[in-house]
N, C-alpha and C. Protein backbone atom coordinates (compact mmCIF):
# COMPACT_ATOMS: atom_id res chain seq x y z
N MET A 1 -84.09 -38.10 60.76
CA MET A 1 -83.02 -38.27 61.01
C MET A 1 -82.34 -39.26 60.62
N SER A 2 -80.65 -38.99 60.06
CA SER A 2 -80.05 -40.12 59.54
C SER A 2 -79.52 -41.05 60.51
N ARG A 3 -79.47 -42.38 60.19
CA ARG A 3 -78.63 -43.34 61.42
C ARG A 3 -77.33 -43.10 61.39
N PRO A 4 -76.73 -43.44 62.33
CA PRO A 4 -75.18 -43.52 62.45
C PRO A 4 -74.66 -44.53 61.60
N GLN A 5 -73.57 -44.37 61.28
CA GLN A 5 -72.99 -45.46 60.83
C GLN A 5 -71.55 -46.01 61.28
N LEU A 6 -71.77 -47.44 61.67
CA LEU A 6 -70.79 -47.99 62.34
C LEU A 6 -69.80 -48.83 61.59
N VAL A 7 -68.75 -48.38 61.30
CA VAL A 7 -67.69 -49.32 60.53
C VAL A 7 -66.85 -50.07 61.83
N LEU A 8 -66.81 -51.45 61.69
CA LEU A 8 -66.15 -52.11 62.68
C LEU A 8 -64.96 -52.93 61.86
N ASP A 9 -64.16 -53.15 62.56
CA ASP A 9 -62.58 -54.02 62.31
C ASP A 9 -63.53 -55.60 62.80
N VAL A 10 -62.97 -56.44 62.17
CA VAL A 10 -63.22 -57.85 62.51
C VAL A 10 -62.33 -58.48 63.84
N GLY A 11 -61.18 -58.69 63.26
CA GLY A 11 -59.88 -59.34 64.27
C GLY A 11 -59.73 -58.19 65.22
N GLY A 12 -59.61 -58.55 66.46
CA GLY A 12 -59.15 -57.54 67.72
C GLY A 12 -60.45 -56.62 67.75
N VAL A 13 -61.51 -57.01 67.30
CA VAL A 13 -62.60 -55.72 67.80
C VAL A 13 -63.64 -56.80 67.82
N LEU A 14 -64.26 -57.71 66.69
CA LEU A 14 -65.23 -58.31 67.13
C LEU A 14 -65.16 -59.99 67.31
N LEU A 15 -63.63 -60.47 66.93
CA LEU A 15 -63.28 -61.52 67.06
C LEU A 15 -61.72 -61.48 67.74
N THR A 16 -61.23 -62.31 68.36
CA THR A 16 -59.66 -62.37 68.59
C THR A 16 -58.95 -62.46 67.33
N ASN A 17 -57.67 -61.74 67.41
CA ASN A 17 -56.95 -62.05 66.42
C ASN A 17 -56.32 -63.30 66.70
N PHE A 18 -56.13 -64.00 65.24
CA PHE A 18 -55.45 -65.15 65.65
C PHE A 18 -53.44 -65.29 65.87
N THR A 19 -53.23 -63.87 66.08
CA THR A 19 -51.68 -63.61 66.03
C THR A 19 -51.82 -62.95 67.29
N PRO A 20 -50.66 -62.90 68.37
CA PRO A 20 -49.89 -63.44 68.35
C PRO A 20 -49.88 -65.25 68.77
N GLU A 21 -51.12 -65.54 69.50
CA GLU A 21 -51.29 -66.67 70.12
C GLU A 21 -51.00 -68.11 68.77
N PHE A 22 -51.63 -67.65 67.87
CA PHE A 22 -51.62 -68.74 66.98
C PHE A 22 -50.16 -68.97 66.45
N TRP A 23 -49.36 -67.96 66.14
CA TRP A 23 -47.98 -68.25 65.79
C TRP A 23 -47.32 -68.70 66.86
N GLU A 24 -47.62 -68.23 68.11
CA GLU A 24 -46.51 -69.01 69.36
C GLU A 24 -46.96 -70.72 69.27
N GLU A 25 -48.42 -71.09 69.06
CA GLU A 25 -48.62 -72.62 69.05
C GLU A 25 -48.18 -72.92 67.76
N VAL A 26 -48.08 -72.63 66.79
CA VAL A 26 -47.22 -73.21 65.77
C VAL A 26 -45.89 -73.18 65.97
N ALA A 27 -45.42 -72.39 66.29
CA ALA A 27 -43.72 -72.03 66.58
C ALA A 27 -43.55 -73.18 67.66
N GLY A 28 -44.09 -73.41 68.41
CA GLY A 28 -44.24 -74.28 69.76
C GLY A 28 -44.27 -75.83 69.34
N ARG A 29 -44.96 -75.96 68.12
CA ARG A 29 -44.59 -77.27 67.57
C ARG A 29 -43.73 -77.43 66.40
N ALA A 30 -43.09 -76.63 65.68
CA ALA A 30 -42.26 -76.41 64.91
C ALA A 30 -40.89 -76.40 65.24
N ASN A 31 -40.10 -76.42 64.25
CA ASN A 31 -38.70 -76.09 64.50
C ASN A 31 -38.12 -74.76 64.38
N VAL A 32 -39.07 -73.69 64.30
CA VAL A 32 -38.83 -72.48 64.03
C VAL A 32 -39.06 -71.67 65.09
N SER A 33 -38.75 -70.27 65.23
CA SER A 33 -38.94 -69.46 66.63
C SER A 33 -40.23 -68.67 65.92
N PHE A 34 -40.89 -68.16 67.33
CA PHE A 34 -42.06 -67.39 66.97
C PHE A 34 -41.64 -66.07 66.28
N ASP A 35 -40.52 -65.62 66.47
CA ASP A 35 -39.97 -64.41 65.98
C ASP A 35 -39.90 -64.58 64.37
N THR A 36 -39.17 -65.62 64.16
CA THR A 36 -38.69 -66.20 62.61
C THR A 36 -39.84 -66.36 61.79
N LEU A 37 -40.96 -67.38 62.36
CA LEU A 37 -42.08 -67.57 61.57
C LEU A 37 -43.03 -66.18 61.47
N ARG A 38 -43.05 -65.57 62.53
CA ARG A 38 -43.86 -64.21 62.27
C ARG A 38 -43.20 -63.25 60.93
N THR A 39 -42.14 -63.10 61.34
CA THR A 39 -40.98 -62.26 60.51
C THR A 39 -41.43 -62.71 59.07
N ALA A 40 -41.24 -63.79 59.07
CA ALA A 40 -41.21 -64.44 57.52
C ALA A 40 -42.79 -64.24 56.61
N PHE A 41 -43.75 -64.61 57.60
CA PHE A 41 -45.16 -64.73 57.09
C PHE A 41 -45.16 -63.16 56.76
N LYS A 42 -44.89 -62.23 57.32
CA LYS A 42 -44.99 -60.75 57.13
C LYS A 42 -44.45 -60.27 55.91
N ARG A 43 -43.35 -61.15 55.58
CA ARG A 43 -42.40 -60.68 54.71
C ARG A 43 -42.71 -61.35 53.51
N ASP A 44 -43.23 -62.73 53.53
CA ASP A 44 -43.20 -63.44 52.27
C ASP A 44 -44.79 -63.61 51.89
N LEU A 45 -45.77 -63.80 52.61
CA LEU A 45 -47.18 -63.83 52.33
C LEU A 45 -48.44 -63.20 52.78
N ARG A 46 -48.21 -62.39 53.63
CA ARG A 46 -49.38 -61.60 54.43
C ARG A 46 -50.14 -60.87 53.60
N GLU A 47 -49.54 -59.85 52.88
CA GLU A 47 -50.57 -58.90 51.72
C GLU A 47 -50.95 -59.94 50.90
N ASP A 48 -50.22 -60.54 50.35
CA ASP A 48 -50.66 -61.43 49.26
C ASP A 48 -52.08 -62.54 49.77
N LEU A 49 -52.03 -62.88 51.01
CA LEU A 49 -52.79 -63.85 51.25
C LEU A 49 -54.05 -62.84 51.80
N TRP A 50 -53.85 -61.87 52.63
CA TRP A 50 -55.19 -60.87 52.84
C TRP A 50 -55.96 -60.35 51.62
N THR A 51 -54.96 -59.92 50.61
CA THR A 51 -55.72 -59.28 49.36
C THR A 51 -56.30 -60.55 48.45
N GLY A 52 -56.09 -61.95 48.65
CA GLY A 52 -56.65 -62.74 47.99
C GLY A 52 -56.07 -63.29 46.74
N ARG A 53 -54.55 -62.49 46.42
CA ARG A 53 -53.72 -63.09 45.61
C ARG A 53 -53.26 -64.33 45.66
N VAL A 54 -53.23 -64.88 46.76
CA VAL A 54 -52.89 -66.44 46.64
C VAL A 54 -54.15 -67.07 47.29
N ASP A 55 -54.37 -68.28 47.46
CA ASP A 55 -55.77 -69.11 47.94
C ASP A 55 -55.03 -69.20 49.50
N GLU A 56 -55.95 -69.77 50.10
CA GLU A 56 -55.76 -70.56 51.31
C GLU A 56 -54.89 -71.62 51.39
N GLN A 57 -54.91 -72.55 50.47
CA GLN A 57 -53.71 -73.51 50.49
C GLN A 57 -52.42 -73.34 50.15
N THR A 58 -52.11 -72.04 49.63
CA THR A 58 -50.97 -71.43 49.59
C THR A 58 -50.27 -71.26 51.09
N PHE A 59 -50.96 -70.81 51.99
CA PHE A 59 -51.00 -70.42 53.17
C PHE A 59 -50.42 -71.62 53.90
N TRP A 60 -51.19 -72.63 53.62
CA TRP A 60 -50.81 -74.06 54.42
C TRP A 60 -49.57 -74.70 54.19
N ARG A 61 -49.48 -74.58 52.64
CA ARG A 61 -48.25 -75.12 51.91
C ARG A 61 -46.94 -74.13 52.57
N TRP A 62 -47.11 -73.06 52.34
CA TRP A 62 -46.22 -72.10 52.90
C TRP A 62 -45.58 -72.77 54.51
N LEU A 63 -46.72 -72.54 54.97
CA LEU A 63 -46.29 -73.28 56.69
C LEU A 63 -45.38 -74.48 56.83
N GLU A 64 -46.01 -75.24 55.98
CA GLU A 64 -45.29 -76.37 55.47
C GLU A 64 -43.77 -76.17 55.21
N GLU A 65 -43.36 -75.20 54.30
CA GLU A 65 -42.36 -75.05 53.91
C GLU A 65 -41.42 -74.73 55.02
N GLN A 66 -41.83 -73.96 56.06
CA GLN A 66 -41.25 -73.18 57.29
C GLN A 66 -40.97 -74.50 58.27
N ASP A 67 -41.26 -75.34 58.29
CA ASP A 67 -40.90 -76.62 58.86
C ASP A 67 -41.42 -78.01 58.27
N SER A 68 -41.02 -79.05 57.67
CA SER A 68 -41.34 -80.15 57.21
C SER A 68 -42.03 -80.78 58.05
N GLY A 69 -41.87 -80.56 59.42
CA GLY A 69 -42.40 -81.51 60.23
C GLY A 69 -43.59 -80.99 60.90
N LEU A 70 -43.96 -79.74 60.05
CA LEU A 70 -45.26 -79.55 60.89
C LEU A 70 -46.54 -79.85 60.35
N ASP A 71 -47.31 -80.55 61.41
CA ASP A 71 -48.58 -80.99 61.39
C ASP A 71 -49.49 -79.79 60.75
N THR A 72 -49.73 -79.56 59.71
CA THR A 72 -51.11 -78.53 59.12
C THR A 72 -52.26 -78.77 59.70
N GLN A 73 -52.66 -80.02 59.89
CA GLN A 73 -53.97 -80.13 60.51
C GLN A 73 -54.16 -79.91 61.99
N LEU A 74 -53.06 -79.76 62.77
CA LEU A 74 -53.11 -79.59 63.95
C LEU A 74 -53.13 -77.90 64.21
N ALA A 75 -52.17 -77.29 63.20
CA ALA A 75 -52.22 -75.54 63.14
C ALA A 75 -53.42 -75.38 62.45
N ARG A 76 -54.50 -76.13 61.18
CA ARG A 76 -55.79 -75.34 61.26
C ARG A 76 -56.78 -75.73 62.32
N ALA A 77 -56.48 -76.44 63.27
CA ALA A 77 -57.20 -76.82 64.37
C ALA A 77 -56.96 -75.32 65.40
N GLY A 78 -55.64 -75.45 65.25
CA GLY A 78 -55.44 -74.21 66.30
C GLY A 78 -55.69 -72.83 65.65
N MET A 79 -55.82 -72.80 64.52
CA MET A 79 -56.70 -71.25 63.89
C MET A 79 -57.72 -71.15 64.60
N SER A 80 -58.73 -72.27 64.21
CA SER A 80 -59.83 -72.19 64.81
C SER A 80 -60.02 -71.78 66.19
N LYS A 81 -59.45 -72.44 66.93
CA LYS A 81 -59.45 -72.55 68.64
C LYS A 81 -59.36 -70.82 69.01
N HIS A 82 -58.55 -70.11 68.00
CA HIS A 82 -57.99 -68.79 68.50
C HIS A 82 -58.79 -67.94 67.95
N LEU A 83 -59.76 -68.06 66.99
CA LEU A 83 -60.93 -67.06 66.57
C LEU A 83 -61.88 -67.33 66.95
N LYS A 84 -62.18 -66.52 68.43
CA LYS A 84 -63.26 -66.54 69.08
C LYS A 84 -63.99 -65.23 69.51
N PRO A 85 -65.33 -64.96 69.27
CA PRO A 85 -66.27 -63.89 70.02
C PRO A 85 -65.41 -63.10 71.03
N LEU A 86 -65.42 -61.98 70.37
CA LEU A 86 -65.19 -60.60 72.12
C LEU A 86 -66.37 -60.37 72.32
N PRO A 87 -66.54 -59.53 73.35
CA PRO A 87 -67.65 -58.91 73.90
C PRO A 87 -68.46 -57.96 72.78
N ALA A 88 -68.09 -57.27 71.97
CA ALA A 88 -68.52 -56.76 71.29
C ALA A 88 -69.33 -57.40 70.28
N PHE A 89 -69.02 -58.42 69.86
CA PHE A 89 -69.85 -59.45 68.77
C PHE A 89 -71.13 -59.73 69.42
N HIS A 90 -71.17 -59.99 70.56
CA HIS A 90 -72.40 -59.81 71.39
C HIS A 90 -73.42 -58.80 71.20
N ARG A 91 -73.16 -57.75 71.09
CA ARG A 91 -73.80 -56.27 70.87
C ARG A 91 -73.97 -55.66 69.61
N ILE A 92 -73.54 -56.68 68.78
CA ILE A 92 -74.10 -56.39 67.16
C ILE A 92 -75.53 -56.05 67.14
N SER A 93 -76.21 -57.37 67.70
CA SER A 93 -77.82 -57.13 67.44
C SER A 93 -78.39 -55.94 68.13
N ALA A 94 -77.81 -55.50 69.42
CA ALA A 94 -78.53 -54.53 69.93
C ALA A 94 -78.06 -53.07 69.36
N TRP A 95 -76.80 -53.22 68.94
CA TRP A 95 -76.08 -51.97 68.29
C TRP A 95 -77.15 -51.62 66.81
N SER A 96 -77.26 -52.65 66.03
CA SER A 96 -77.99 -52.79 64.89
C SER A 96 -79.31 -52.11 64.65
N ASN A 97 -80.02 -51.86 66.29
CA ASN A 97 -81.28 -51.15 66.43
C ASN A 97 -80.97 -49.39 66.06
N TYR A 98 -79.65 -49.23 66.53
CA TYR A 98 -79.40 -47.27 66.44
C TYR A 98 -78.48 -47.06 65.19
N ALA A 99 -77.97 -48.09 64.75
CA ALA A 99 -76.69 -47.66 63.69
C ALA A 99 -76.86 -49.04 62.68
N ASP A 100 -76.38 -48.60 61.58
CA ASP A 100 -76.10 -49.40 60.15
C ASP A 100 -74.53 -49.73 60.43
N ILE A 101 -74.68 -51.08 60.47
CA ILE A 101 -73.29 -51.84 61.00
C ILE A 101 -72.63 -52.24 59.74
N HIS A 102 -71.19 -52.00 59.50
CA HIS A 102 -70.39 -52.26 58.24
C HIS A 102 -69.17 -52.86 58.87
N LEU A 103 -68.91 -54.30 58.16
CA LEU A 103 -67.53 -54.96 58.82
C LEU A 103 -66.66 -54.60 57.64
N LEU A 104 -65.46 -54.46 58.19
CA LEU A 104 -64.40 -54.36 57.51
C LEU A 104 -62.89 -54.72 58.05
N SER A 105 -62.44 -56.12 57.30
CA SER A 105 -61.71 -56.90 57.66
C SER A 105 -60.68 -57.23 56.83
N ASN A 106 -59.17 -57.09 57.61
CA ASN A 106 -58.05 -57.88 56.69
C ASN A 106 -58.28 -59.32 57.05
N HIS A 107 -58.35 -60.12 56.15
CA HIS A 107 -58.65 -61.78 56.82
C HIS A 107 -58.96 -62.29 55.37
N ARG A 108 -59.20 -63.65 55.88
CA ARG A 108 -59.44 -64.72 54.76
C ARG A 108 -61.01 -65.14 54.91
N HIS A 109 -61.80 -64.73 53.84
CA HIS A 109 -63.11 -65.03 54.13
C HIS A 109 -63.46 -66.22 54.25
N GLU A 110 -63.06 -67.41 53.71
CA GLU A 110 -62.43 -68.84 54.49
C GLU A 110 -62.88 -68.88 55.64
N TRP A 111 -62.02 -67.99 56.48
CA TRP A 111 -61.91 -68.13 58.15
C TRP A 111 -62.64 -67.66 58.83
N ILE A 112 -63.17 -66.69 58.61
CA ILE A 112 -63.96 -65.55 59.25
C ILE A 112 -65.68 -65.48 58.90
N ALA A 113 -66.01 -65.69 57.57
CA ALA A 113 -67.41 -65.79 57.15
C ALA A 113 -68.15 -66.68 57.97
N PRO A 114 -67.74 -68.00 58.06
CA PRO A 114 -68.60 -68.49 59.04
C PRO A 114 -68.82 -68.27 60.34
N LEU A 115 -67.82 -67.57 60.97
CA LEU A 115 -67.83 -67.24 62.53
C LEU A 115 -68.98 -65.83 62.40
N LEU A 116 -68.75 -64.96 61.25
CA LEU A 116 -69.87 -63.98 61.22
C LEU A 116 -71.32 -64.29 60.96
N GLU A 117 -71.83 -65.56 60.56
CA GLU A 117 -73.06 -65.90 60.51
C GLU A 117 -73.94 -65.65 61.35
N PRO A 118 -73.68 -65.60 62.79
CA PRO A 118 -74.59 -65.42 63.48
C PRO A 118 -75.30 -64.14 63.45
N ILE A 119 -74.36 -63.01 63.11
CA ILE A 119 -74.69 -61.95 62.99
C ILE A 119 -74.87 -61.06 62.04
N ARG A 120 -75.22 -61.81 60.98
CA ARG A 120 -74.86 -61.62 59.67
C ARG A 120 -76.31 -60.80 59.41
N SER A 121 -77.26 -60.84 59.67
CA SER A 121 -78.72 -60.51 59.59
C SER A 121 -78.72 -59.06 60.21
N HIS A 122 -77.87 -58.73 61.27
CA HIS A 122 -77.71 -57.61 61.92
C HIS A 122 -76.75 -56.52 61.06
N VAL A 123 -76.03 -56.74 60.17
CA VAL A 123 -75.10 -56.16 59.48
C VAL A 123 -75.24 -55.54 57.87
N ALA A 124 -75.18 -54.04 57.88
CA ALA A 124 -75.58 -53.83 56.69
C ALA A 124 -74.47 -54.21 55.25
N SER A 125 -73.38 -54.41 55.80
CA SER A 125 -72.39 -54.81 54.58
C SER A 125 -71.00 -55.84 55.43
N VAL A 126 -70.51 -56.26 54.61
CA VAL A 126 -69.16 -57.03 54.84
C VAL A 126 -68.22 -56.81 53.93
N THR A 127 -67.25 -56.55 54.42
CA THR A 127 -65.92 -56.62 53.20
C THR A 127 -65.01 -56.97 53.85
N ILE A 128 -64.27 -58.06 53.49
CA ILE A 128 -63.08 -59.16 53.80
C ILE A 128 -62.24 -59.15 52.51
N SER A 129 -61.06 -58.31 53.08
CA SER A 129 -60.20 -58.12 52.06
C SER A 129 -59.80 -59.17 51.07
N SER A 130 -59.84 -60.68 51.16
CA SER A 130 -59.42 -61.62 50.33
C SER A 130 -60.28 -61.67 49.18
N GLU A 131 -61.73 -61.11 49.68
CA GLU A 131 -62.58 -60.87 48.57
C GLU A 131 -62.43 -59.53 47.71
N ALA A 132 -62.42 -58.66 48.42
CA ALA A 132 -62.15 -57.27 47.84
C ALA A 132 -60.64 -56.86 46.97
N GLY A 133 -59.67 -57.73 47.02
CA GLY A 133 -58.44 -57.78 46.51
C GLY A 133 -57.53 -56.71 46.94
N CYS A 134 -58.06 -55.99 47.98
CA CYS A 134 -57.13 -54.91 48.83
C CYS A 134 -57.36 -54.87 50.29
N CYS A 135 -56.18 -54.60 50.98
CA CYS A 135 -56.42 -54.39 52.43
C CYS A 135 -55.90 -53.09 53.02
N LYS A 136 -56.45 -53.11 54.44
CA LYS A 136 -56.07 -51.78 54.81
C LYS A 136 -54.52 -52.04 55.28
N PRO A 137 -53.87 -50.93 55.25
CA PRO A 137 -54.73 -49.40 55.16
C PRO A 137 -54.70 -48.51 53.98
N ASP A 138 -54.76 -49.87 52.91
CA ASP A 138 -54.96 -49.38 51.32
C ASP A 138 -56.34 -48.10 51.09
N PRO A 139 -56.29 -46.99 50.89
CA PRO A 139 -57.52 -46.43 50.71
C PRO A 139 -58.43 -46.89 49.99
N SER A 140 -58.16 -47.80 49.00
CA SER A 140 -59.19 -48.33 48.24
C SER A 140 -60.44 -49.18 48.87
N ILE A 141 -59.64 -50.12 49.80
CA ILE A 141 -60.48 -50.95 50.65
C ILE A 141 -61.91 -49.99 51.30
N TYR A 142 -61.14 -48.92 51.91
CA TYR A 142 -62.29 -47.70 52.74
C TYR A 142 -63.39 -47.31 51.69
N GLN A 143 -62.68 -46.95 50.39
CA GLN A 143 -63.58 -46.20 49.43
C GLN A 143 -64.54 -47.50 49.07
N LEU A 144 -64.22 -48.89 49.11
CA LEU A 144 -65.31 -49.86 48.73
C LEU A 144 -66.27 -49.66 49.88
N VAL A 145 -66.07 -49.62 51.06
CA VAL A 145 -67.04 -49.74 52.21
C VAL A 145 -67.77 -48.33 52.08
N SER A 146 -67.03 -47.50 51.84
CA SER A 146 -67.89 -46.25 51.63
C SER A 146 -68.81 -46.18 50.65
N SER A 147 -68.62 -46.98 49.46
CA SER A 147 -70.00 -46.72 48.37
C SER A 147 -70.93 -47.53 48.93
N GLN A 148 -70.80 -48.28 50.28
CA GLN A 148 -71.67 -49.29 50.47
C GLN A 148 -72.65 -48.58 51.33
N ILE A 149 -72.18 -47.37 51.80
CA ILE A 149 -72.92 -46.59 53.10
C ILE A 149 -73.56 -45.47 52.24
N LYS A 150 -74.86 -45.17 52.96
CA LYS A 150 -75.92 -44.82 52.50
C LYS A 150 -76.02 -43.06 52.67
N GLN A 151 -74.84 -42.79 53.47
CA GLN A 151 -74.74 -41.21 53.54
C GLN A 151 -73.45 -41.12 54.20
N ALA A 152 -72.97 -40.08 53.97
CA ALA A 152 -71.37 -39.44 54.28
C ALA A 152 -70.98 -39.10 55.54
N ALA A 153 -72.01 -38.64 56.27
CA ALA A 153 -71.79 -38.11 57.68
C ALA A 153 -72.14 -39.16 58.74
N GLY A 154 -71.75 -38.56 59.90
CA GLY A 154 -71.86 -39.91 61.05
C GLY A 154 -71.58 -41.17 60.81
N ILE A 155 -70.22 -41.37 60.52
CA ILE A 155 -69.58 -42.76 60.32
C ILE A 155 -68.18 -42.53 61.15
N LEU A 156 -68.65 -43.61 62.29
CA LEU A 156 -67.42 -44.01 63.20
C LEU A 156 -66.72 -45.54 62.84
N PHE A 157 -65.35 -45.27 62.54
CA PHE A 157 -64.61 -46.59 62.28
C PHE A 157 -63.91 -46.86 63.64
N VAL A 158 -63.90 -48.17 63.67
CA VAL A 158 -63.31 -48.95 65.04
C VAL A 158 -62.43 -50.01 64.64
N ASP A 159 -60.82 -49.67 64.98
CA ASP A 159 -59.86 -50.65 64.57
C ASP A 159 -58.87 -50.77 65.57
N ASP A 160 -58.20 -51.75 65.82
CA ASP A 160 -57.22 -51.87 66.89
C ASP A 160 -56.00 -51.82 66.74
N ALA A 161 -55.88 -51.16 65.22
CA ALA A 161 -54.68 -50.95 64.67
C ALA A 161 -54.62 -49.53 64.36
N GLU A 162 -53.74 -48.71 65.02
CA GLU A 162 -53.53 -47.38 65.02
C GLU A 162 -53.29 -47.07 63.30
N ARG A 163 -52.54 -47.84 62.48
CA ARG A 163 -51.92 -47.77 61.07
C ARG A 163 -53.18 -47.71 60.30
N ASN A 164 -54.48 -48.18 60.73
CA ASN A 164 -55.44 -48.49 59.83
C ASN A 164 -56.54 -47.40 59.95
N LEU A 165 -56.14 -46.37 61.12
CA LEU A 165 -57.34 -45.30 61.10
C LEU A 165 -56.96 -44.34 60.35
N LYS A 166 -55.86 -44.13 59.62
CA LYS A 166 -55.57 -42.77 58.83
C LYS A 166 -56.17 -42.81 57.82
N ALA A 167 -56.48 -43.66 57.11
CA ALA A 167 -57.33 -43.30 55.83
C ALA A 167 -58.84 -43.37 55.93
N ALA A 168 -59.21 -43.69 57.09
CA ALA A 168 -60.67 -43.59 57.69
C ALA A 168 -60.76 -42.02 57.66
N ARG A 169 -59.85 -41.90 58.78
CA ARG A 169 -59.87 -40.01 58.95
C ARG A 169 -59.44 -39.40 57.49
N GLU A 170 -58.94 -39.71 56.49
CA GLU A 170 -58.67 -38.99 55.01
C GLU A 170 -60.11 -38.79 54.65
N LEU A 171 -60.81 -39.59 54.82
CA LEU A 171 -62.38 -39.97 54.27
C LEU A 171 -63.60 -38.94 55.12
N GLU A 172 -62.83 -38.60 56.28
CA GLU A 172 -63.73 -37.73 57.18
C GLU A 172 -64.36 -38.61 57.82
N TRP A 173 -63.93 -40.14 58.12
CA TRP A 173 -64.88 -40.58 59.04
C TRP A 173 -64.28 -40.37 60.62
N GLU A 174 -64.93 -40.33 61.57
CA GLU A 174 -64.60 -40.43 63.10
C GLU A 174 -64.07 -41.60 63.15
N THR A 175 -62.87 -41.63 64.04
CA THR A 175 -62.28 -43.06 64.16
C THR A 175 -61.71 -43.26 65.64
N LEU A 176 -62.14 -44.55 66.03
CA LEU A 176 -61.58 -45.07 67.55
C LEU A 176 -60.69 -46.28 67.33
N LEU A 177 -59.68 -46.31 68.24
CA LEU A 177 -58.83 -47.33 68.53
C LEU A 177 -59.26 -48.20 69.43
N ALA A 178 -59.62 -49.46 69.10
CA ALA A 178 -60.26 -50.43 70.00
C ALA A 178 -59.16 -50.94 70.91
N ASP A 179 -59.18 -50.89 72.12
CA ASP A 179 -58.23 -50.90 73.19
C ASP A 179 -58.49 -52.41 73.55
N ARG A 180 -57.74 -53.11 74.05
CA ARG A 180 -57.41 -54.59 74.56
C ARG A 180 -58.56 -54.53 75.63
N ASP A 181 -58.77 -53.90 76.42
CA ASP A 181 -59.35 -53.79 77.73
C ASP A 181 -60.78 -53.89 77.22
N GLY A 182 -61.17 -53.29 75.99
CA GLY A 182 -62.39 -53.26 75.44
C GLY A 182 -63.14 -52.05 75.93
N ALA A 183 -62.33 -50.87 76.74
CA ALA A 183 -63.09 -49.68 77.11
C ALA A 183 -63.90 -49.02 75.92
N TRP A 184 -63.34 -49.28 74.61
CA TRP A 184 -63.68 -48.64 73.24
C TRP A 184 -65.47 -49.03 73.42
N VAL A 185 -65.80 -50.22 73.89
CA VAL A 185 -67.25 -50.85 73.54
C VAL A 185 -68.13 -49.70 74.23
N GLU A 186 -67.86 -49.41 75.42
CA GLU A 186 -68.75 -48.46 76.03
C GLU A 186 -68.85 -47.10 75.56
N GLN A 187 -67.83 -46.39 74.69
CA GLN A 187 -67.66 -45.28 74.12
C GLN A 187 -68.66 -45.37 72.94
N VAL A 188 -68.58 -46.51 72.31
CA VAL A 188 -69.54 -46.94 71.29
C VAL A 188 -70.83 -46.51 71.92
N GLU A 189 -71.16 -47.25 72.94
CA GLU A 189 -72.44 -47.38 73.47
C GLU A 189 -73.16 -46.04 73.62
N VAL A 190 -72.52 -45.26 74.49
CA VAL A 190 -72.08 -43.81 74.68
C VAL A 190 -72.88 -43.00 73.64
N ARG A 191 -72.08 -43.17 72.62
CA ARG A 191 -72.36 -42.15 71.02
C ARG A 191 -73.83 -42.86 71.02
N LEU A 192 -74.02 -43.92 70.77
CA LEU A 192 -75.48 -44.80 70.22
C LEU A 192 -77.03 -44.11 71.05
N ARG A 193 -76.46 -44.10 72.54
CA ARG A 193 -77.23 -43.42 73.54
C ARG A 193 -77.51 -42.07 73.18
N ASP A 194 -76.48 -41.62 72.92
CA ASP A 194 -76.63 -39.82 72.47
C ASP A 194 -77.60 -39.39 71.18
N VAL A 195 -77.31 -40.59 70.29
CA VAL A 195 -78.45 -40.43 69.17
C VAL A 195 -79.88 -40.51 69.51
N VAL A 196 -80.16 -41.77 70.37
CA VAL A 196 -81.71 -42.22 70.55
C VAL A 196 -82.57 -40.85 71.34
């Protein structure tokens, strides 16, 4: 019998997203509103940062340009404070007994790879957009993950953003939207129990 394949987003699924709390904290110390800062990030930098077209330093320089009085050292510390494990993170070891687990994240590898180290031995593959050169919902990043999966059937993709599920469905993956309350975790566990 083939093992289920579980493809998990990281931010909002295994680790907390650094937005909006990160942006609120930075905006609170800067002379820029939360909405202005976040809108500017999405417009000016987000895709380039997530796809690795610009490096991490470019992000910090960009933040300084938004407000010359911003202390980027405090902002860096704030980022690490906001990237914390969610309950599903602690279930990866157990889930790996029943499924091959693949991680797919729009993020900077410098920021999340160290945080994923405790579960790395339980994960079949890790695809981080800044290393892959593309980001969700671009179908090519899903194809990259698909190329690392040994079987075409029995794939469940979990993401906290509805817009990221469409490309997975086009590959005929099952999809599950990760809700903020974590009810999705029980749904995954029910599916894994059904396999045993």
